[in-house]
């Protein structure tokens, strides 16, 4: 399981949704965990593309299946829309299991 550790206090922090938010991880100034989210998805067989958004966060802009089917629906305002509202349920469940919010071990 990927983890994110606070540089100040050492606490484990979790919020995978921030990997899809232009202003996530304190607008890119905090502990950016986008690569950990990408790692979880790619370990499960998906392909991901992330974009460094200028001075902002690194944001996942594409998730595809092995056969190239895009899982982020066309028309999604990537970086602004809530990923829990547009990602397929199996992706949300995978990320919730692998990266529980605030590091709570749910397994």
C-alpha atoms as a PDB file:
ATOM      1  CA  UNK A   1       0.000   0.000   0.000  1.00  0.00           C
ATOM      2  CA  UNK A   2       1.366   3.415  -0.946  1.00  0.00           C
ATOM      3  CA  UNK A   3       1.650   5.960   1.810  1.00  0.00           C
ATOM      4  CA  UNK A   4       2.002   9.693   2.155  1.00  0.00           C
ATOM      5  CA  UNK A   5       3.809  11.088   5.188  1.00  0.00           C
ATOM      6  CA  UNK A   6       3.554  14.642   6.497  1.00  0.00           C
ATOM      7  CA  UNK A   7       6.982  16.302   6.372  1.00  0.00           C
ATOM      8  CA  UNK A   8       6.165  18.310   9.507  1.00  0.00           C
ATOM      9  CA  UNK A   9       4.723  15.767  11.918  1.00  0.00           C
ATOM     10  CA  UNK A  10       5.356  12.375  10.315  1.00  0.00           C
ATOM     11  CA  UNK A  11       1.647  11.489  10.243  1.00  0.00           C
ATOM     12  CA  UNK A  12       0.424   9.339   7.380  1.00  0.00           C
ATOM     13  CA  UNK A  13      -2.047  11.230   5.203  1.00  0.00           C
ATOM     14  CA  UNK A  14      -4.391   9.899   2.543  1.00  0.00           C
ATOM     15  CA  UNK A  15      -6.580  11.618   0.018  1.00  0.00           C
ATOM     16  CA  UNK A  16      -6.340   9.995  -3.390  1.00  0.00           C
ATOM     17  CA  UNK A  17      -8.946  12.369  -4.841  1.00  0.00           C
ATOM     18  CA  UNK A  18      -6.361  15.161  -4.695  1.00  0.00           C
ATOM     19  CA  UNK A  19      -4.482  13.440  -7.537  1.00  0.00           C
ATOM     20  CA  UNK A  20      -7.382  14.561  -9.770  1.00  0.00           C
ATOM     21  CA  UNK A  21      -7.664  18.110  -8.365  1.00  0.00           C
ATOM     22  CA  UNK A  22      -5.774  21.053  -9.870  1.00  0.00           C
ATOM     23  CA  UNK A  23      -5.595  22.594  -6.398  1.00  0.00           C
ATOM     24  CA  UNK A  24      -4.979  19.302  -4.559  1.00  0.00           C
ATOM     25  CA  UNK A  25      -2.187  18.718  -2.067  1.00  0.00           C
ATOM     26  CA  UNK A  26      -2.309  22.361  -0.988  1.00  0.00           C
ATOM     27  CA  UNK A  27      -2.156  23.494  -4.620  1.00  0.00           C
ATOM     28  CA  UNK A  28       0.949  21.361  -5.138  1.00  0.00           C
ATOM     29  CA  UNK A  29       2.794  22.849  -2.165  1.00  0.00           C
ATOM     30  CA  UNK A  30       2.063  19.901   0.143  1.00  0.00           C
ATOM     31  CA  UNK A  31       3.094  16.275  -0.059  1.00  0.00           C
ATOM     32  CA  UNK A  32       2.012  15.468  -3.615  1.00  0.00           C
ATOM     33  CA  UNK A  33       0.916  11.844  -3.764  1.00  0.00           C
ATOM     34  CA  UNK A  34      -0.191  11.651  -7.391  1.00  0.00           C
ATOM     35  CA  UNK A  35       2.550   9.170  -8.296  1.00  0.00           C
ATOM     36  CA  UNK A  36       1.344   6.838  -5.542  1.00  0.00           C
ATOM     37  CA  UNK A  37      -2.156   6.905  -7.037  1.00  0.00           C
ATOM     38  CA  UNK A  38      -0.709   6.238 -10.493  1.00  0.00           C
ATOM     39  CA  UNK A  39       1.308   3.327  -9.056  1.00  0.00           C
ATOM     40  CA  UNK A  40      -1.820   1.739  -7.543  1.00  0.00           C
ATOM     41  CA  UNK A  41      -3.746   2.058 -10.804  1.00  0.00           C
ATOM     42  CA  UNK A  42      -0.885   0.767 -12.949  1.00  0.00           C
ATOM     43  CA  UNK A  43      -0.282  -2.161 -10.584  1.00  0.00           C
ATOM     44  CA  UNK A  44      -3.917  -3.104 -11.209  1.00  0.00           C
ATOM     45  CA  UNK A  45      -3.329  -3.109 -14.971  1.00  0.00           C
ATOM     46  CA  UNK A  46      -4.514   0.358 -15.935  1.00  0.00           C
ATOM     47  CA  UNK A  47      -2.453   2.924 -17.828  1.00  0.00           C
ATOM     48  CA  UNK A  48      -2.280   6.486 -16.539  1.00  0.00           C
ATOM     49  CA  UNK A  49      -1.119   9.871 -17.709  1.00  0.00           C
ATOM     50  CA  UNK A  50      -0.418  12.665 -15.261  1.00  0.00           C
ATOM     51  CA  UNK A  51       0.111  16.326 -16.095  1.00  0.00           C
ATOM     52  CA  UNK A  52       2.208  18.817 -14.130  1.00  0.00           C
ATOM     53  CA  UNK A  53      -0.148  21.780 -14.026  1.00  0.00           C
ATOM     54  CA  UNK A  54       2.293  24.726 -13.931  1.00  0.00           C
ATOM     55  CA  UNK A  55       2.778  25.865 -10.358  1.00  0.00           C
ATOM     56  CA  UNK A  56      -0.184  23.746  -9.298  1.00  0.00           C
ATOM     57  CA  UNK A  57      -0.620  20.077  -8.525  1.00  0.00           C
ATOM     58  CA  UNK A  58       0.312  17.115 -10.718  1.00  0.00           C
ATOM     59  CA  UNK A  59      -3.058  15.815 -11.946  1.00  0.00           C
ATOM     60  CA  UNK A  60      -4.096  12.478 -13.445  1.00  0.00           C
ATOM     61  CA  UNK A  61      -5.640  13.328 -16.821  1.00  0.00           C
ATOM     62  CA  UNK A  62      -6.130   9.852 -18.291  1.00  0.00           C
ATOM     63  CA  UNK A  63      -6.802   6.314 -17.103  1.00  0.00           C
ATOM     64  CA  UNK A  64      -7.110   3.660 -19.781  1.00  0.00           C
ATOM     65  CA  UNK A  65      -7.682  -0.064 -19.799  1.00  0.00           C
ATOM     66  CA  UNK A  66      -5.145  -2.393 -21.415  1.00  0.00           C
ATOM     67  CA  UNK A  67      -7.156  -2.277 -24.644  1.00  0.00           C
ATOM     68  CA  UNK A  68      -7.047   1.547 -24.706  1.00  0.00           C
ATOM     69  CA  UNK A  69     -10.557   2.341 -23.436  1.00  0.00           C
ATOM     70  CA  UNK A  70     -10.494   5.747 -21.683  1.00  0.00           C
ATOM     71  CA  UNK A  71     -12.135   5.666 -18.235  1.00  0.00           C
ATOM     72  CA  UNK A  72     -12.332   9.426 -17.669  1.00  0.00           C
ATOM     73  CA  UNK A  73     -15.483  10.347 -19.580  1.00  0.00           C
ATOM     74  CA  UNK A  74     -15.372  12.863 -22.398  1.00  0.00           C
ATOM     75  CA  UNK A  75     -16.626  16.220 -21.178  1.00  0.00           C
ATOM     76  CA  UNK A  76     -15.119  15.808 -17.715  1.00  0.00           C
ATOM     77  CA  UNK A  77     -13.579  19.048 -16.496  1.00  0.00           C
ATOM     78  CA  UNK A  78     -10.384  17.317 -15.343  1.00  0.00           C
ATOM     79  CA  UNK A  79      -8.770  19.110 -12.442  1.00  0.00           C
ATOM     80  CA  UNK A  80     -12.069  20.583 -11.282  1.00  0.00           C
ATOM     81  CA  UNK A  81     -14.755  17.875 -11.309  1.00  0.00           C
ATOM     82  CA  UNK A  82     -15.017  15.446  -8.379  1.00  0.00           C
ATOM     83  CA  UNK A  83     -13.461  12.100  -9.400  1.00  0.00           C
ATOM     84  CA  UNK A  84     -15.970  10.246  -7.211  1.00  0.00           C
ATOM     85  CA  UNK A  85     -18.659  11.512  -9.589  1.00  0.00           C
ATOM     86  CA  UNK A  86     -17.043  10.521 -12.905  1.00  0.00           C
ATOM     87  CA  UNK A  87     -14.705   7.577 -12.317  1.00  0.00           C
ATOM     88  CA  UNK A  88     -16.091   4.050 -12.689  1.00  0.00           C
ATOM     89  CA  UNK A  89     -17.078   2.357  -9.435  1.00  0.00           C
ATOM     90  CA  UNK A  90     -14.329  -0.275  -9.728  1.00  0.00           C
ATOM     91  CA  UNK A  91     -11.660   2.452  -9.872  1.00  0.00           C
ATOM     92  CA  UNK A  92     -13.113   4.244  -6.848  1.00  0.00           C
ATOM     93  CA  UNK A  93     -13.305   0.974  -4.899  1.00  0.00           C
ATOM     94  CA  UNK A  94      -9.720   0.075  -5.841  1.00  0.00           C
ATOM     95  CA  UNK A  95      -8.376   3.453  -4.723  1.00  0.00           C
ATOM     96  CA  UNK A  96     -10.463   3.480  -1.534  1.00  0.00           C
ATOM     97  CA  UNK A  97      -9.035   0.063  -0.599  1.00  0.00           C
ATOM     98  CA  UNK A  98      -5.429   0.841  -1.530  1.00  0.00           C
ATOM     99  CA  UNK A  99      -5.310   4.457  -0.327  1.00  0.00           C
ATOM    100  CA  UNK A 100      -7.819   4.938   2.484  1.00  0.00           C
ATOM    101  CA  UNK A 101      -8.313   8.579   3.414  1.00  0.00           C
ATOM    102  CA  UNK A 102      -6.062   9.830   6.199  1.00  0.00           C
ATOM    103  CA  UNK A 103      -4.158   6.553   6.308  1.00  0.00           C
ATOM    104  CA  UNK A 104      -6.778   4.551   8.124  1.00  0.00           C
ATOM    105  CA  UNK A 105      -5.953   0.912   7.504  1.00  0.00           C
ATOM    106  CA  UNK A 106      -9.226  -0.572   6.343  1.00  0.00           C
ATOM    107  CA  UNK A 107      -7.893  -4.036   5.482  1.00  0.00           C
END
